[in-house]
Amino acid sequence: MEERVEKLENGMAKDPIQMVTEGVAHDFRNLLEAIRSRATTAKNLTGSLNRAQSLMCQIVQLIDQNTHVVDLLEQFADTRKCQKQVVDLNRVVEMIFEHAGYYMPDIILEFDLLGRSIPVAVDAEKISQAAGVLLENAYQALPESKGMIIVSTDIVSMVNGSCEFYGLPAGEYARLTVADNGSGMEKDVLTQVFTPYYTGENGCYPGRKGLGLTLAQNIVDSHGGTIDIWSTPGSGSAFSINLPFFQE
């Protein structure tokens, strides 16, 4: 990947959790108002059973959407509640992606794991969730029924300028990278990808979309790490999770 992302400042003027809370509250109010409107209409109907049944079905769908909104709030509330233990990052990756072929049968999925153990002190479930977001993001960027995703692990050293760029202490870091040969991203999109509710095609606040990368970033931040991005329009992108390497 040719283009390295500069510090992602433009889309992060507000605290991400604050932005998610505001957005979810906005969605929740709209959904409740829609439920109220349909319930009121159904209550006042006379002699129109089919119309009443249609409104009830809409109400059920809206309640399901509200449940999803609550689930999102719970996920973000739990982001920084980590139960860390020392695990091998390679094993975590294998567990995450062992079933990926079942729902990605139309692409080439390759693995390039470091040939040695990579100990990290993490909440394996939450890191799996963050890595799963990157995999889904890569899959969505691929052309339909074709493309390639490469998942790799490595150990990298961060010193001097690198530490300042990432805002991390110097030392060794475990790296998990998900790279694709999809559509890639322009620089204006790269500076916004972690902004809550942002999507490249739909802008800000398109319903409940655009929270996956925000959630992934908050999970990685809570582990003392960072997510790095490279992308070239028309050639693909790579997202790397960098986590402190555990040394006894």
C-alpha atoms as a PDB file:
ATOM      1  CA  MET A   1       0.000   0.000   0.000  1.00  0.00           C
ATOM      2  CA  GLU A   2       1.470   3.349  -1.053  1.00  0.00           C
ATOM      3  CA  GLU A   3      -0.412   5.939   0.933  1.00  0.00           C
ATOM      4  CA  ARG A   4       0.150   6.050   4.677  1.00  0.00           C
ATOM      5  CA  VAL A   5      -2.552   7.716   6.684  1.00  0.00           C
ATOM      6  CA  GLU A   6      -1.742  10.918   8.487  1.00  0.00           C
ATOM      7  CA  LYS A   7      -3.033  11.356  12.045  1.00  0.00           C
ATOM      8  CA  LEU A   8      -6.792  10.954  11.936  1.00  0.00           C
ATOM      9  CA  GLU A   9      -7.727  14.242  13.560  1.00  0.00           C
ATOM     10  CA  ASN A  10     -10.466  15.676  11.380  1.00  0.00           C
ATOM     11  CA  GLY A  11     -13.177  13.194  12.335  1.00  0.00           C
ATOM     12  CA  MET A  12     -12.331  12.936  16.020  1.00  0.00           C
ATOM     13  CA  ALA A  13     -13.061  16.425  17.362  1.00  0.00           C
ATOM     14  CA  LYS A  14     -15.525  14.928  19.827  1.00  0.00           C
ATOM     15  CA  ASP A  15     -14.996  11.968  22.080  1.00  0.00           C
ATOM     16  CA  PRO A  16     -16.110   8.861  20.121  1.00  0.00           C
ATOM     17  CA  ILE A  17     -18.201   7.521  22.991  1.00  0.00           C
ATOM     18  CA  GLN A  18     -19.987  10.870  23.271  1.00  0.00           C
ATOM     19  CA  MET A  19     -20.712  10.828  19.537  1.00  0.00           C
ATOM     20  CA  VAL A  20     -22.041   7.278  19.678  1.00  0.00           C
ATOM     21  CA  THR A  21     -24.243   8.124  22.647  1.00  0.00           C
ATOM     22  CA  GLU A  22     -25.666  11.184  20.897  1.00  0.00           C
ATOM     23  CA  GLY A  23     -26.283   9.261  17.687  1.00  0.00           C
ATOM     24  CA  VAL A  24     -27.911   6.301  19.417  1.00  0.00           C
ATOM     25  CA  ALA A  25     -30.124   8.610  21.492  1.00  0.00           C
ATOM     26  CA  HIS A  26     -31.193  10.327  18.254  1.00  0.00           C
ATOM     27  CA  ASP A  27     -32.036   6.969  16.635  1.00  0.00           C
ATOM     28  CA  PHE A  28     -33.827   5.775  19.743  1.00  0.00           C
ATOM     29  CA  ARG A  29     -36.075   8.853  19.899  1.00  0.00           C
ATOM     30  CA  ASN A  30     -36.940   8.505  16.210  1.00  0.00           C
ATOM     31  CA  LEU A  31     -37.776   4.826  16.586  1.00  0.00           C
ATOM     32  CA  LEU A  32     -39.965   5.428  19.628  1.00  0.00           C
ATOM     33  CA  GLU A  33     -41.831   8.193  17.818  1.00  0.00           C
ATOM     34  CA  ALA A  34     -42.405   5.892  14.831  1.00  0.00           C
ATOM     35  CA  ILE A  35     -43.751   3.166  17.138  1.00  0.00           C
ATOM     36  CA  ARG A  36     -46.044   5.647  18.883  1.00  0.00           C
ATOM     37  CA  SER A  37     -47.376   6.947  15.569  1.00  0.00           C
ATOM     38  CA  ARG A  38     -48.193   3.498  14.218  1.00  0.00           C
ATOM     39  CA  ALA A  39     -49.676   2.300  17.508  1.00  0.00           C
ATOM     40  CA  THR A  40     -51.938   5.373  17.635  1.00  0.00           C
ATOM     41  CA  THR A  41     -53.088   4.806  14.056  1.00  0.00           C
ATOM     42  CA  ALA A  42     -53.788   1.131  14.727  1.00  0.00           C
ATOM     43  CA  LYS A  43     -55.754   1.995  17.897  1.00  0.00           C
ATOM     44  CA  ASN A  44     -58.037   4.349  15.962  1.00  0.00           C
ATOM     45  CA  LEU A  45     -58.677   1.999  13.048  1.00  0.00           C
ATOM     46  CA  THR A  46     -62.188   0.605  12.633  1.00  0.00           C
ATOM     47  CA  GLY A  47     -63.118  -2.168  10.236  1.00  0.00           C
ATOM     48  CA  SER A  48     -59.701  -2.537   8.600  1.00  0.00           C
ATOM     49  CA  LEU A  49     -58.093  -5.693   9.936  1.00  0.00           C
ATOM     50  CA  ASN A  50     -55.478  -5.947   7.172  1.00  0.00           C
ATOM     51  CA  ARG A  51     -54.302  -2.382   7.757  1.00  0.00           C
ATOM     52  CA  ALA A  52     -54.119  -2.980  11.499  1.00  0.00           C
ATOM     53  CA  GLN A  53     -52.091  -6.160  10.991  1.00  0.00           C
ATOM     54  CA  SER A  54     -49.707  -4.297   8.682  1.00  0.00           C
ATOM     55  CA  LEU A  55     -49.166  -1.614  11.324  1.00  0.00           C
ATOM     56  CA  MET A  56     -48.539  -4.245  13.986  1.00  0.00           C
ATOM     57  CA  CYS A  57     -45.876  -5.858  11.794  1.00  0.00           C
ATOM     58  CA  GLN A  58     -44.200  -2.477  11.381  1.00  0.00           C
ATOM     59  CA  ILE A  59     -44.273  -1.953  15.137  1.00  0.00           C
ATOM     60  CA  VAL A  60     -42.586  -5.322  15.711  1.00  0.00           C
ATOM     61  CA  GLN A  61     -39.855  -4.386  13.212  1.00  0.00           C
ATOM     62  CA  LEU A  62     -39.300  -1.053  14.947  1.00  0.00           C
ATOM     63  CA  ILE A  63     -39.043  -2.753  18.328  1.00  0.00           C
ATOM     64  CA  ASP A  64     -36.387  -5.061  16.850  1.00  0.00           C
ATOM     65  CA  GLN A  65     -34.480  -1.986  15.668  1.00  0.00           C
ATOM     66  CA  ASN A  66     -34.685  -0.521  19.163  1.00  0.00           C
ATOM     67  CA  THR A  67     -33.248  -3.755  20.528  1.00  0.00           C
ATOM     68  CA  HIS A  68     -30.319  -3.419  18.127  1.00  0.00           C
ATOM     69  CA  VAL A  69     -29.730   0.153  19.315  1.00  0.00           C
ATOM     70  CA  VAL A  70     -29.625  -1.052  22.929  1.00  0.00           C
ATOM     71  CA  ASP A  71     -27.180  -3.799  21.923  1.00  0.00           C
ATOM     72  CA  LEU A  72     -24.894  -1.152  20.407  1.00  0.00           C
ATOM     73  CA  LEU A  73     -24.958   0.851  23.619  1.00  0.00           C
ATOM     74  CA  GLU A  74     -24.043  -2.242  25.621  1.00  0.00           C
ATOM     75  CA  GLN A  75     -21.135  -3.041  23.287  1.00  0.00           C
ATOM     76  CA  PHE A  76     -19.656   0.418  23.674  1.00  0.00           C
ATOM     77  CA  ALA A  77     -20.266   0.425  27.425  1.00  0.00           C
ATOM     78  CA  ASP A  78     -18.321  -2.845  27.695  1.00  0.00           C
ATOM     79  CA  THR A  79     -15.440  -1.679  25.474  1.00  0.00           C
ATOM     80  CA  ARG A  80     -13.123  -0.781  28.349  1.00  0.00           C
ATOM     81  CA  LYS A  81     -14.157  -3.603  30.665  1.00  0.00           C
ATOM     82  CA  CYS A  82     -11.408  -6.008  29.689  1.00  0.00           C
ATOM     83  CA  GLN A  83     -10.570  -9.324  31.319  1.00  0.00           C
ATOM     84  CA  LYS A  84      -7.019  -9.698  30.094  1.00  0.00           C
ATOM     85  CA  GLN A  85      -4.919 -12.830  30.062  1.00  0.00           C
ATOM     86  CA  VAL A  86      -1.784 -13.809  28.189  1.00  0.00           C
ATOM     87  CA  VAL A  87      -2.609 -15.609  24.944  1.00  0.00           C
ATOM     88  CA  ASP A  88      -0.885 -16.351  21.643  1.00  0.00           C
ATOM     89  CA  LEU A  89      -2.136 -13.861  19.038  1.00  0.00           C
ATOM     90  CA  ASN A  90      -1.744 -16.524  16.337  1.00  0.00           C
ATOM     91  CA  ARG A  91      -4.185 -18.782  18.155  1.00  0.00           C
ATOM     92  CA  VAL A  92      -6.668 -15.936  18.521  1.00  0.00           C
ATOM     93  CA  VAL A  93      -6.430 -15.258  14.782  1.00  0.00           C
ATOM     94  CA  GLU A  94      -6.952 -18.914  13.939  1.00  0.00           C
ATOM     95  CA  MET A  95     -10.101 -19.050  16.066  1.00  0.00           C
ATOM     96  CA  ILE A  96     -11.450 -15.833  14.574  1.00  0.00           C
ATOM     97  CA  PHE A  97     -11.043 -16.845  10.966  1.00  0.00           C
ATOM     98  CA  GLU A  98     -11.439 -20.622  11.050  1.00  0.00           C
ATOM     99  CA  HIS A  99     -15.078 -20.268   9.983  1.00  0.00           C
ATOM    100  CA  ALA A 100     -14.506 -17.308   7.616  1.00  0.00           C
ATOM    101  CA  GLY A 101     -14.465 -19.551   4.562  1.00  0.00           C
ATOM    102  CA  TYR A 102     -18.056 -20.571   5.231  1.00  0.00           C
ATOM    103  CA  TYR A 103     -19.442 -17.070   4.697  1.00  0.00           C
ATOM    104  CA  MET A 104     -16.742 -15.899   2.275  1.00  0.00           C
ATOM    105  CA  PRO A 105     -16.659 -18.782  -0.215  1.00  0.00           C
ATOM    106  CA  ASP A 106     -16.424 -16.446  -3.194  1.00  0.00           C
ATOM    107  CA  ILE A 107     -13.002 -14.960  -2.402  1.00  0.00           C
ATOM    108  CA  ILE A 108      -9.409 -16.039  -1.846  1.00  0.00           C
ATOM    109  CA  LEU A 109      -8.611 -15.951   1.870  1.00  0.00           C
ATOM    110  CA  GLU A 110      -4.947 -16.469   2.764  1.00  0.00           C
ATOM    111  CA  PHE A 111      -3.090 -16.580   6.076  1.00  0.00           C
ATOM    112  CA  ASP A 112       0.510 -15.618   6.727  1.00  0.00           C
ATOM    113  CA  LEU A 113       1.052 -16.140  10.457  1.00  0.00           C
ATOM    114  CA  LEU A 114       4.425 -15.614  12.113  1.00  0.00           C
ATOM    115  CA  GLY A 115       6.132 -18.951  12.724  1.00  0.00           C
ATOM    116  CA  ARG A 116       6.472 -18.440  16.457  1.00  0.00           C
ATOM    117  CA  SER A 117       4.265 -17.642  19.407  1.00  0.00           C
ATOM    118  CA  ILE A 118       3.191 -13.994  19.816  1.00  0.00           C
ATOM    119  CA  PRO A 119       2.217 -13.503  23.476  1.00  0.00           C
ATOM    120  CA  VAL A 120      -0.149 -10.611  24.215  1.00  0.00           C
ATOM    121  CA  ALA A 121      -2.103  -9.707  27.348  1.00  0.00           C
ATOM    122  CA  VAL A 122      -5.612  -9.149  25.987  1.00  0.00           C
ATOM    123  CA  ASP A 123      -9.279  -9.881  26.366  1.00  0.00           C
ATOM    124  CA  ALA A 124      -9.361 -12.475  23.579  1.00  0.00           C
ATOM    125  CA  GLU A 125     -13.097 -12.109  22.979  1.00  0.00           C
ATOM    126  CA  LYS A 126     -12.878  -8.347  22.469  1.00  0.00           C
ATOM    127  CA  ILE A 127      -9.787  -8.535  20.242  1.00  0.00           C
ATOM    128  CA  SER A 128     -11.627 -11.174  18.219  1.00  0.00           C
ATOM    129  CA  GLN A 129     -14.512  -8.748  17.853  1.00  0.00           C
ATOM    130  CA  ALA A 130     -12.200  -5.965  16.665  1.00  0.00           C
ATOM    131  CA  ALA A 131     -10.425  -8.240  14.183  1.00  0.00           C
ATOM    132  CA  GLY A 132     -13.787  -9.502  12.927  1.00  0.00           C
ATOM    133  CA  VAL A 133     -14.770  -5.912  12.120  1.00  0.00           C
ATOM    134  CA  LEU A 134     -11.611  -5.510  10.026  1.00  0.00           C
ATOM    135  CA  LEU A 135     -12.325  -8.741   8.173  1.00  0.00           C
ATOM    136  CA  GLU A 136     -15.913  -7.724   7.424  1.00  0.00           C
ATOM    137  CA  ASN A 137     -14.751  -4.282   6.328  1.00  0.00           C
ATOM    138  CA  ALA A 138     -12.230  -5.848   3.925  1.00  0.00           C
ATOM    139  CA  TYR A 139     -14.824  -8.250   2.545  1.00  0.00           C
ATOM    140  CA  GLN A 140     -17.258  -5.420   1.811  1.00  0.00           C
ATOM    141  CA  ALA A 141     -14.546  -3.541  -0.104  1.00  0.00           C
ATOM    142  CA  LEU A 142     -14.005  -6.406  -2.554  1.00  0.00           C
ATOM    143  CA  PRO A 143     -15.640  -6.688  -5.972  1.00  0.00           C
ATOM    144  CA  GLU A 144     -18.614  -9.047  -5.932  1.00  0.00           C
ATOM    145  CA  SER A 145     -17.672 -12.735  -6.215  1.00  0.00           C
ATOM    146  CA  LYS A 146     -13.943 -12.090  -6.488  1.00  0.00           C
ATOM    147  CA  GLY A 147     -11.005 -10.640  -4.653  1.00  0.00           C
ATOM    148  CA  MET A 148      -8.432 -11.568  -2.024  1.00  0.00           C
ATOM    149  CA  ILE A 149      -7.943 -10.994   1.702  1.00  0.00           C
ATOM    150  CA  ILE A 150      -4.627 -11.757   3.414  1.00  0.00           C
ATOM    151  CA  VAL A 151      -4.495 -12.065   7.207  1.00  0.00           C
ATOM    152  CA  SER A 152      -1.013 -11.874   8.696  1.00  0.00           C
ATOM    153  CA  THR A 153       0.721 -11.548  12.066  1.00  0.00           C
ATOM    154  CA  ASP A 154       4.140 -10.176  12.963  1.00  0.00           C
ATOM    155  CA  ILE A 155       6.203  -8.548  15.719  1.00  0.00           C
ATOM    156  CA  VAL A 156       7.357  -4.986  15.044  1.00  0.00           C
ATOM    157  CA  SER A 157       9.503  -2.481  16.927  1.00  0.00           C
ATOM    158  CA  MET A 158       8.364   1.091  17.413  1.00  0.00           C
ATOM    159  CA  VAL A 159      10.958   3.730  18.217  1.00  0.00           C
ATOM    160  CA  ASN A 160      11.416   7.494  17.970  1.00  0.00           C
ATOM    161  CA  GLY A 161       9.210   8.955  15.225  1.00  0.00           C
ATOM    162  CA  SER A 162       6.948   5.929  15.048  1.00  0.00           C
ATOM    163  CA  CYS A 163       6.152   6.226  18.750  1.00  0.00           C
ATOM    164  CA  GLU A 164       5.301   9.901  18.396  1.00  0.00           C
ATOM    165  CA  PHE A 165       3.119   9.222  15.356  1.00  0.00           C
ATOM    166  CA  TYR A 166       1.110   6.529  17.126  1.00  0.00           C
ATOM    167  CA  GLY A 167       1.223   8.085  20.584  1.00  0.00           C
ATOM    168  CA  LEU A 168       2.609   4.848  22.035  1.00  0.00           C
ATOM    169  CA  PRO A 169       5.642   4.075  24.216  1.00  0.00           C
ATOM    170  CA  ALA A 170       8.698   2.633  22.476  1.00  0.00           C
ATOM    171  CA  GLY A 171       8.976  -1.129  22.383  1.00  0.00           C
ATOM    172  CA  GLU A 172       7.888  -4.279  20.580  1.00  0.00           C
ATOM    173  CA  TYR A 173       4.333  -4.688  19.369  1.00  0.00           C
ATOM    174  CA  ALA A 174       2.331  -7.623  18.077  1.00  0.00           C
ATOM    175  CA  ARG A 175       0.736  -6.806  14.744  1.00  0.00           C
ATOM    176  CA  LEU A 176      -2.355  -8.343  13.147  1.00  0.00           C
ATOM    177  CA  THR A 177      -2.994  -7.144   9.594  1.00  0.00           C
ATOM    178  CA  VAL A 178      -6.026  -7.626   7.363  1.00  0.00           C
ATOM    179  CA  ALA A 179      -5.229  -6.595   3.769  1.00  0.00           C
ATOM    180  CA  ASP A 180      -7.504  -6.652   0.719  1.00  0.00           C
ATOM    181  CA  ASN A 181      -7.182  -5.881  -2.985  1.00  0.00           C
ATOM    182  CA  GLY A 182     -10.514  -4.073  -3.094  1.00  0.00           C
ATOM    183  CA  SER A 183     -11.558  -0.560  -4.027  1.00  0.00           C
ATOM    184  CA  GLY A 184      -9.249   1.279  -1.637  1.00  0.00           C
ATOM    185  CA  MET A 185     -10.029   4.668  -0.102  1.00  0.00           C
ATOM    186  CA  GLU A 186      -9.356   8.297  -0.909  1.00  0.00           C
ATOM    187  CA  LYS A 187      -7.555  10.410   1.705  1.00  0.00           C
ATOM    188  CA  ASP A 188     -10.714  12.271   2.740  1.00  0.00           C
ATOM    189  CA  VAL A 189     -12.335   8.933   3.580  1.00  0.00           C
ATOM    190  CA  LEU A 190      -9.260   7.697   5.453  1.00  0.00           C
ATOM    191  CA  THR A 191      -9.403  10.652   7.832  1.00  0.00           C
ATOM    192  CA  GLN A 192     -13.015   9.807   8.721  1.00  0.00           C
ATOM    193  CA  VAL A 193     -13.160   6.005   8.923  1.00  0.00           C
ATOM    194  CA  PHE A 194     -13.166   5.864  12.736  1.00  0.00           C
ATOM    195  CA  THR A 195     -15.774   8.612  13.113  1.00  0.00           C
ATOM    196  CA  PRO A 196     -19.021   7.196  14.574  1.00  0.00           C
ATOM    197  CA  TYR A 197     -21.812   6.811  12.001  1.00  0.00           C
ATOM    198  CA  TYR A 198     -19.546   7.719   9.102  1.00  0.00           C
ATOM    199  CA  THR A 199     -19.588   5.663   5.896  1.00  0.00           C
ATOM    200  CA  GLY A 200     -17.799   6.558   2.703  1.00  0.00           C
ATOM    201  CA  GLU A 201     -20.920   6.370   0.565  1.00  0.00           C
ATOM    202  CA  ASN A 202     -23.616   7.604   2.918  1.00  0.00           C
ATOM    203  CA  GLY A 203     -21.885  10.317   4.961  1.00  0.00           C
ATOM    204  CA  CYS A 204     -22.631  10.814   8.647  1.00  0.00           C
ATOM    205  CA  TYR A 205     -25.585   9.419  10.601  1.00  0.00           C
ATOM    206  CA  PRO A 206     -27.033   7.003   8.022  1.00  0.00           C
ATOM    207  CA  GLY A 207     -29.241   5.087  10.448  1.00  0.00           C
ATOM    208  CA  ARG A 208     -27.274   2.625  12.520  1.00  0.00           C
ATOM    209  CA  LYS A 209     -24.385   2.098  10.055  1.00  0.00           C
ATOM    210  CA  GLY A 210     -20.781   3.138  10.446  1.00  0.00           C
ATOM    211  CA  LEU A 211     -20.035   2.011  14.016  1.00  0.00           C
ATOM    212  CA  GLY A 212     -17.918  -1.091  13.430  1.00  0.00           C
ATOM    213  CA  LEU A 213     -14.532   0.607  13.014  1.00  0.00           C
ATOM    214  CA  THR A 214     -15.288   3.005  15.868  1.00  0.00           C
ATOM    215  CA  LEU A 215     -15.966   0.040  18.131  1.00  0.00           C
ATOM    216  CA  ALA A 216     -12.808  -1.746  16.933  1.00  0.00           C
ATOM    217  CA  GLN A 217     -10.680   1.323  17.601  1.00  0.00           C
ATOM    218  CA  ASN A 218     -12.052   1.738  21.120  1.00  0.00           C
ATOM    219  CA  ILE A 219     -11.366  -1.928  21.882  1.00  0.00           C
ATOM    220  CA  VAL A 220      -7.768  -1.655  20.668  1.00  0.00           C
ATOM    221  CA  ASP A 221      -7.266   1.654  22.506  1.00  0.00           C
ATOM    222  CA  SER A 222      -8.386  -0.005  25.726  1.00  0.00           C
ATOM    223  CA  HIS A 223      -5.562  -2.543  25.255  1.00  0.00           C
ATOM    224  CA  GLY A 224      -2.892   0.156  24.885  1.00  0.00           C
ATOM    225  CA  GLY A 225      -2.643  -0.357  21.139  1.00  0.00           C
ATOM    226  CA  THR A 226      -3.602   1.348  17.898  1.00  0.00           C
ATOM    227  CA  ILE A 227      -5.035   0.617  14.454  1.00  0.00           C
ATOM    228  CA  ASP A 228      -2.960   1.674  11.463  1.00  0.00           C
ATOM    229  CA  ILE A 229      -4.250   2.081   7.894  1.00  0.00           C
ATOM    230  CA  TRP A 230      -2.688   2.053   4.442  1.00  0.00           C
ATOM    231  CA  SER A 231      -4.760   2.457   1.305  1.00  0.00           C
ATOM    232  CA  THR A 232      -4.428   3.152  -2.400  1.00  0.00           C
ATOM    233  CA  PRO A 233      -7.577   3.978  -4.393  1.00  0.00           C
ATOM    234  CA  GLY A 234      -8.300   1.188  -6.842  1.00  0.00           C
ATOM    235  CA  SER A 235      -5.700  -1.164  -5.339  1.00  0.00           C
ATOM    236  CA  GLY A 236      -6.875  -2.017  -1.837  1.00  0.00           C
ATOM    237  CA  SER A 237      -6.387  -1.327   1.850  1.00  0.00           C
ATOM    238  CA  ALA A 238      -4.690  -2.776   4.902  1.00  0.00           C
ATOM    239  CA  PHE A 239      -5.740  -2.363   8.535  1.00  0.00           C
ATOM    240  CA  SER A 240      -3.238  -3.340  11.236  1.00  0.00           C
ATOM    241  CA  ILE A 241      -3.978  -3.835  14.925  1.00  0.00           C
ATOM    242  CA  ASN A 242      -0.856  -3.127  16.996  1.00  0.00           C
ATOM    243  CA  LEU A 243      -0.846  -4.508  20.553  1.00  0.00           C
ATOM    244  CA  PRO A 244       1.880  -4.372  23.213  1.00  0.00           C
ATOM    245  CA  PHE A 245       4.063  -7.480  23.009  1.00  0.00           C
ATOM    246  CA  PHE A 246       3.982  -9.323  26.341  1.00  0.00           C
ATOM    247  CA  GLN A 247       7.382  -9.910  27.897  1.00  0.00           C
ATOM    248  CA  GLU A 248       7.739 -11.667  31.228  1.00  0.00           C
END
